[in-house]
C-alpha cells in the first residue's frame, strides 16, 4: 500500500487538507496579535475557534462593510473573492499551462542542441526573465506595444489595460485581454522549468535505458520525447508546487497593472487599510490554489516516477 498510487495520493491529500486549515489559522493569530490588543492566550484561541467555525462551517469570511479613514468596503469579503475567483482561475491556469509547456519545450531544445546559437539565445532570455520583476515587464510592454496608449509600436491583438471581457460574452476579446498577462505571470516559472528540464534531460539521455532504446533502433525523436522527457519531467512538474507563492504574488501584481477584475487586485489596498477580513479571505483563496496545485503536481510526479511514492526519488 505504501508504494501504491492511491495510497500515496491519500496521504498527500490529508496533509494538504490540513494545510488548508493551518495556514489561515496562523494568519488569523498573527493579525490578532499585530492589532495590539492585550488579549490573553486563551482569548486568542477562543477567537480562532470562532473564526474557523464561521469560515469553514458557515462560509462567512467577514462583515459586509469596513471603514478605515477614507477607505470604505461595502461588500463582504466572500462576495469579493467569489466575484473574482473565476478570473483568478483563468489567469492562474493559463499561466501554469504556458509555464510548463514553454519550459519543457525550451529545456528539451537546450538539452538536445546545447551548443547551437538558438540554445545560447534561450539561455540569455532565461537569465533576463529570472532577473526582471513582472510588474515592470508588464508595464513596459503595455507602454511600448499596447494600442491606444501612445505606444512606440502598436501591435494588433495585444493585451491592454482594462480590456478584460468574460469568455461567455466575447471569447475573442477574452483571449486578447488574457494572453499577455498569462505569459507575464508564467515567465519566471517557465524560465526555471527550462533550466530544470535542460539539466535533468541532458543527464537522462546518458542513462542506460536510453542507450538501450537507441541500440534497438528507436528513432532519436522518440527516444527524446517518449523515453527521456518522461523520465526527466517529474522534477519540472515539482517546480509548480514549490513556486506557487511566487506565482500568486506575480498574479496579484499583473492584475493590478492590467486592471484585471480578479480578487487579488484588492490585496494592496486591503493590506494598506488594515482590512483584515478581506486579507484573510485572500489568504484562504491563495492557500486553496497552493493546495490544489501541489496535489496535482504530486499526482503527476507519482504517475511519471513511481519512486516518488516511496520517497526514493528527490523531487
Protein backbone atom coordinates (compact mmCIF):
# COMPACT_ATOMS: atom_id res chain seq x y z
CA UNK A 1 0.00 0.00 0.00
CA UNK A 2 2.90 2.37 0.76
CA UNK A 3 4.06 2.20 -2.85
CA UNK A 4 0.62 2.37 -4.47
CA UNK A 5 -0.56 5.50 -6.23
CA UNK A 6 -3.95 5.71 -4.39
CA UNK A 7 -2.24 5.30 -1.01
CA UNK A 8 0.34 7.97 -1.81
CA UNK A 9 -2.32 10.40 -3.05
CA UNK A 10 -4.47 9.78 0.04
CA UNK A 11 -1.56 10.69 2.32
CA UNK A 12 -0.77 13.80 0.31
CA UNK A 13 -4.43 14.85 0.26
CA UNK A 14 -4.70 14.56 4.04
CA UNK A 15 -1.55 16.62 4.56
CA UNK A 16 -2.63 19.33 2.12
CA UNK A 17 -6.16 19.46 3.59
CA UNK A 18 -4.55 20.12 6.98
CA UNK A 19 -2.52 22.90 5.34
CA UNK A 20 -5.73 24.48 4.05
CA UNK A 21 -6.85 24.93 7.68
CA UNK A 22 -3.47 25.59 9.29
CA UNK A 23 -2.27 28.48 7.10
CA UNK A 24 -5.38 30.71 7.54
CA UNK A 25 -5.31 29.86 11.26
CA UNK A 26 -1.72 31.07 11.63
CA UNK A 27 -2.52 34.17 9.59
CA UNK A 28 -5.52 34.93 11.82
CA UNK A 29 -3.46 34.59 15.00
CA UNK A 30 -0.73 36.84 13.58
CA UNK A 31 -3.21 39.57 12.60
CA UNK A 32 -4.89 39.32 16.01
CA UNK A 33 -1.57 39.84 17.78
CA UNK A 34 -0.38 42.58 15.40
CA UNK A 35 -3.51 44.65 16.08
CA UNK A 36 -2.02 45.34 19.50
CA UNK A 37 -4.93 44.39 21.72
CA UNK A 38 -3.91 42.99 25.09
CA UNK A 39 -5.60 39.66 24.56
CA UNK A 40 -4.92 36.67 26.77
CA UNK A 41 -3.76 33.48 25.02
CA UNK A 42 -6.97 31.64 25.86
CA UNK A 43 -8.99 34.51 24.36
CA UNK A 44 -6.95 34.28 21.15
CA UNK A 45 -7.67 30.57 20.96
CA UNK A 46 -11.38 31.23 21.53
CA UNK A 47 -11.38 33.83 18.74
CA UNK A 48 -9.54 31.36 16.49
CA UNK A 49 -12.15 28.68 17.18
CA UNK A 50 -14.90 31.15 16.32
CA UNK A 51 -13.08 32.17 13.13
CA UNK A 52 -12.63 28.55 11.99
CA UNK A 53 -16.26 27.77 12.71
CA UNK A 54 -17.65 30.77 10.85
CA UNK A 55 -15.23 30.34 7.92
CA UNK A 56 -15.31 26.61 7.26
CA UNK A 57 -18.73 25.66 8.64
CA UNK A 58 -20.80 28.77 7.90
CA UNK A 59 -18.91 30.21 4.90
CA UNK A 60 -18.75 33.68 6.50
CA UNK A 61 -15.46 35.44 5.62
CA UNK A 62 -16.16 38.88 7.08
CA UNK A 63 -18.64 41.68 7.58
CA UNK A 64 -20.42 43.46 4.75
CA UNK A 65 -18.83 46.85 5.48
CA UNK A 66 -15.44 48.04 6.66
CA UNK A 67 -14.15 51.59 7.21
CA UNK A 68 -10.66 52.90 7.81
CA UNK A 69 -10.05 56.62 7.32
CA UNK A 70 -11.15 57.26 3.71
CA UNK A 71 -11.22 53.55 2.80
CA UNK A 72 -14.71 52.06 2.67
CA UNK A 73 -15.61 48.49 1.70
CA UNK A 74 -19.33 47.99 1.09
CA UNK A 75 -19.29 44.31 0.08
CA UNK A 76 -18.47 41.35 2.27
CA UNK A 77 -15.14 39.60 1.73
CA UNK A 78 -16.76 36.40 0.46
CA UNK A 79 -18.58 38.30 -2.29
CA UNK A 80 -15.36 39.99 -3.43
CA UNK A 81 -13.49 36.68 -3.61
CA UNK A 82 -16.42 34.93 -5.28
CA UNK A 83 -16.76 37.61 -7.96
CA UNK A 84 -13.05 37.46 -8.86
CA UNK A 85 -12.44 33.74 -8.35
CA UNK A 86 -13.10 32.61 -11.92
CA UNK A 87 -10.91 35.38 -13.32
CA UNK A 88 -8.13 34.31 -10.94
CA UNK A 89 -8.57 30.72 -12.14
CA UNK A 90 -8.36 31.77 -15.80
CA UNK A 91 -5.18 33.76 -15.24
CA UNK A 92 -3.54 31.20 -12.96
CA UNK A 93 -4.49 28.20 -15.09
CA UNK A 94 -3.30 29.83 -18.30
CA UNK A 95 -0.03 30.85 -16.66
CA UNK A 96 0.69 27.35 -15.32
CA UNK A 97 -0.05 25.67 -18.65
CA UNK A 98 2.14 28.14 -20.52
CA UNK A 99 4.97 27.89 -17.98
CA UNK A 100 5.20 24.10 -18.06
CA UNK A 101 4.74 23.85 -21.83
CA UNK A 102 7.34 26.52 -22.60
CA UNK A 103 9.73 25.12 -20.00
CA UNK A 104 9.56 21.58 -21.37
CA UNK A 105 9.89 22.66 -24.99
CA UNK A 106 12.71 25.14 -24.40
CA UNK A 107 14.52 22.81 -22.00
CA UNK A 108 14.31 19.92 -24.46
CA UNK A 109 15.72 22.14 -27.19
CA UNK A 110 18.61 23.19 -24.98
CA UNK A 111 19.38 19.62 -23.92
CA UNK A 112 19.41 18.27 -27.48
CA UNK A 113 21.20 21.24 -29.10
CA UNK A 114 23.35 22.66 -26.29
CA UNK A 115 25.90 24.44 -28.48
CA UNK A 116 23.63 25.99 -31.07
CA UNK A 117 23.21 29.80 -31.27
CA UNK A 118 19.48 29.39 -30.60
CA UNK A 119 20.23 27.47 -27.41
CA UNK A 120 22.51 30.27 -26.23
CA UNK A 121 19.75 32.75 -27.01
CA UNK A 122 17.34 30.71 -24.87
CA UNK A 123 19.86 30.82 -22.01
CA UNK A 124 20.13 34.60 -22.33
CA UNK A 125 16.35 35.09 -22.38
CA UNK A 126 16.01 32.78 -19.37
CA UNK A 127 18.53 34.82 -17.38
CA UNK A 128 16.81 38.11 -18.27
CA UNK A 129 13.36 36.79 -17.34
CA UNK A 130 14.56 35.48 -13.97
CA UNK A 131 16.05 38.87 -13.08
CA UNK A 132 13.15 41.09 -14.24
CA UNK A 133 10.22 42.00 -11.91
CA UNK A 134 6.92 41.01 -13.51
CA UNK A 135 5.20 44.33 -12.77
CA UNK A 136 8.00 46.18 -14.57
CA UNK A 137 7.83 43.79 -17.53
CA UNK A 138 4.05 44.20 -17.77
CA UNK A 139 4.19 47.98 -17.53
CA UNK A 140 6.97 48.28 -20.15
CA UNK A 141 5.18 46.01 -22.60
CA UNK A 142 1.98 48.00 -22.28
CA UNK A 143 3.76 51.33 -22.75
CA UNK A 144 5.77 50.04 -25.72
CA UNK A 145 3.29 47.95 -27.67
CA UNK A 146 -0.33 48.25 -26.44
CA UNK A 147 -2.70 50.06 -28.84
CA UNK A 148 -4.40 53.22 -27.70
CA UNK A 149 -1.90 54.38 -25.05
CA UNK A 150 0.60 56.26 -27.20
CA UNK A 151 2.84 53.23 -27.63
CA UNK A 152 6.10 53.28 -29.57
CA UNK A 153 4.99 50.40 -31.82
CA UNK A 154 1.35 49.28 -31.67
CA UNK A 155 0.84 45.52 -32.09
CA UNK A 156 -2.60 44.21 -33.11
CA UNK A 157 -4.33 41.78 -30.74
CA UNK A 158 -2.08 43.00 -27.92
CA UNK A 159 -3.45 42.88 -24.37
CA UNK A 160 -4.01 46.28 -22.84
CA UNK A 161 -5.22 47.78 -19.57
CA UNK A 162 -8.88 47.33 -18.54
CA UNK A 163 -9.67 45.28 -21.65
CA UNK A 164 -10.96 42.14 -19.90
CA UNK A 165 -14.13 40.53 -21.19
CA UNK A 166 -15.67 37.33 -19.88
CA UNK A 167 -15.27 34.32 -22.22
CA UNK A 168 -19.03 33.85 -22.34
CA UNK A 169 -19.52 37.46 -23.54
CA UNK A 170 -16.75 37.75 -26.14
CA UNK A 171 -14.33 34.78 -26.45
CA UNK A 172 -12.01 36.55 -28.89
CA UNK A 173 -11.75 39.66 -26.70
CA UNK A 174 -11.18 37.40 -23.70
CA UNK A 175 -8.19 35.77 -25.40
CA UNK A 176 -6.87 39.18 -26.46
CA UNK A 177 -7.09 40.53 -22.92
CA UNK A 178 -5.57 37.49 -21.18
CA UNK A 179 -2.78 36.02 -23.31
CA UNK A 180 -0.16 38.60 -22.36
CA UNK A 181 -0.97 38.70 -18.60
CA UNK A 182 -0.85 34.88 -18.57
CA UNK A 183 2.51 34.93 -20.34
CA UNK A 184 3.95 37.52 -17.94
CA UNK A 185 2.83 35.55 -14.87
CA UNK A 186 4.20 32.36 -16.46
CA UNK A 187 7.57 33.81 -17.49
CA UNK A 188 9.60 33.30 -14.25
CA UNK A 189 8.31 29.74 -13.77
CA UNK A 190 8.85 28.98 -17.47
CA UNK A 191 12.48 30.12 -17.15
CA UNK A 192 13.01 27.95 -14.06
CA UNK A 193 11.36 24.95 -15.78
CA UNK A 194 13.59 25.50 -18.82
CA UNK A 195 16.75 25.29 -16.72
CA UNK A 196 15.49 22.29 -14.75
CA UNK A 197 14.37 20.42 -17.88
CA UNK A 198 17.61 21.10 -19.73
CA UNK A 199 19.72 19.84 -16.83
CA UNK A 200 17.70 16.74 -15.99
CA UNK A 201 17.08 15.74 -19.62
CA UNK A 202 20.77 16.06 -20.51
CA UNK A 203 21.59 13.60 -17.74
CA UNK A 204 18.70 11.28 -18.57
CA UNK A 205 19.79 10.96 -22.21
CA UNK A 206 23.03 9.38 -20.94
CA UNK A 207 21.24 6.71 -18.88
CA UNK A 208 21.49 3.03 -19.78
CA UNK A 209 17.80 2.59 -20.66
CA UNK A 210 18.06 5.44 -23.18
CA UNK A 211 21.18 3.91 -24.74
CA UNK A 212 19.35 0.60 -24.92
CA UNK A 213 16.46 2.23 -26.78
CA UNK A 214 18.91 3.78 -29.22
CA UNK A 215 20.63 0.42 -29.64
CA UNK A 216 17.30 -1.15 -30.59
CA UNK A 217 16.93 1.35 -33.42
CA UNK A 218 14.32 3.60 -31.84
CA UNK A 219 14.28 6.96 -33.71
CA UNK A 220 16.05 9.76 -31.84
CA UNK A 221 12.95 11.95 -31.69
CA UNK A 222 11.02 9.15 -29.99
CA UNK A 223 13.92 8.46 -27.63
CA UNK A 224 13.92 12.09 -26.52
CA UNK A 225 10.18 12.71 -26.28
CA UNK A 226 8.87 9.35 -25.09
CA UNK A 227 11.73 7.96 -23.01
CA UNK A 228 13.99 10.81 -21.98
CA UNK A 229 11.44 13.58 -21.42
CA UNK A 230 9.02 11.45 -19.43
CA UNK A 231 11.78 10.28 -17.11
CA UNK A 232 13.03 13.82 -16.53
CA UNK A 233 9.67 15.64 -16.31
CA UNK A 234 8.89 14.86 -12.65
CA UNK A 235 11.31 17.47 -11.18
CA UNK A 236 9.99 20.04 -13.65
CA UNK A 237 6.40 19.42 -12.55
CA UNK A 238 7.57 19.68 -8.94
CA UNK A 239 8.64 23.27 -9.56
CA UNK A 240 4.98 24.25 -9.97
CA UNK A 241 4.15 23.38 -6.38
CA UNK A 242 7.37 24.85 -5.00
CA UNK A 243 6.85 28.19 -6.78
CA UNK A 244 3.12 28.72 -6.18
CA UNK A 245 3.71 31.50 -3.65
CA UNK A 246 5.80 33.41 -6.20
CA UNK A 247 3.25 32.76 -8.95
CA UNK A 248 0.38 34.12 -6.85
CA UNK A 249 2.42 37.21 -5.94
CA UNK A 250 3.10 37.81 -9.64
CA UNK A 251 -0.57 37.21 -10.39
CA UNK A 252 -1.59 39.94 -7.92
CA UNK A 253 0.91 42.39 -9.45
CA UNK A 254 -0.25 41.66 -13.00
CA UNK A 255 -3.92 42.03 -12.05
CA UNK A 256 -3.10 45.49 -10.66
CA UNK A 257 -1.05 46.56 -13.70
CA UNK A 258 -3.64 45.38 -16.25
CA UNK A 259 -6.66 46.17 -14.04
CA UNK A 260 -7.96 42.62 -14.41
CA UNK A 261 -11.12 42.09 -12.28
CA UNK A 262 -9.75 39.26 -10.16
CA UNK A 263 -9.73 39.09 -6.38
CA UNK A 264 -6.03 39.82 -5.97
CA UNK A 265 -6.24 43.37 -7.32
CA UNK A 266 -7.71 44.28 -3.91
CA UNK A 267 -4.79 42.85 -1.96
CA UNK A 268 -2.69 46.02 -1.78
CA UNK A 269 -5.48 48.30 -0.59
CA UNK A 270 -6.65 45.66 1.91
CA UNK A 271 -3.18 45.46 3.45
CA UNK A 272 -2.61 49.23 3.48
CA UNK A 273 -6.01 49.88 5.08
CA UNK A 274 -5.85 47.00 7.58
CA UNK A 275 -8.89 45.24 6.14
CA UNK A 276 -8.18 42.01 7.98
CA UNK A 277 -11.35 40.23 6.84
CA UNK A 278 -10.52 40.74 3.16
CA UNK A 279 -6.86 39.82 3.67
CA UNK A 280 -7.93 36.63 5.44
CA UNK A 281 -10.30 35.81 2.57
CA UNK A 282 -7.46 36.26 0.06
CA UNK A 283 -5.14 34.16 2.23
CA UNK A 284 -7.73 31.39 2.22
CA UNK A 285 -8.10 31.62 -1.57
CA UNK A 286 -4.31 31.56 -2.00
CA UNK A 287 -4.00 28.54 0.28
CA UNK A 288 -6.66 26.76 -1.75
CA UNK A 289 -4.77 27.40 -5.00
CA UNK A 290 -1.48 26.27 -3.44
CA UNK A 291 -3.03 23.09 -2.05
CA UNK A 292 -4.71 22.18 -5.36
CA UNK A 293 -1.57 22.91 -7.39
CA UNK A 294 0.64 20.89 -5.05
CA UNK A 295 -1.77 17.96 -5.06
CA UNK A 296 -1.90 17.99 -8.87
CA UNK A 297 1.91 18.23 -9.06
CA UNK A 298 2.29 15.36 -6.57
CA UNK A 299 -0.14 13.19 -8.54
CA UNK A 300 1.64 13.84 -11.86
CA UNK A 301 5.06 13.26 -10.28
CA UNK A 302 3.93 9.96 -8.75
CA UNK A 303 2.49 8.85 -12.09
CA UNK A 304 5.64 9.78 -14.02
CA UNK A 305 8.11 8.39 -11.46
CA UNK A 306 6.89 5.57 -9.16
CA UNK A 307 9.92 6.12 -6.88
CA UNK A 308 8.28 9.34 -5.65
CA UNK A 309 5.57 7.29 -3.92
CA UNK A 310 8.06 5.65 -1.58
CA UNK A 311 10.37 8.64 -1.15
CA UNK A 312 13.21 7.11 -3.16
CA UNK A 313 13.27 9.96 -5.69
CA UNK A 314 14.15 13.52 -4.83
CA UNK A 315 11.66 15.89 -6.45
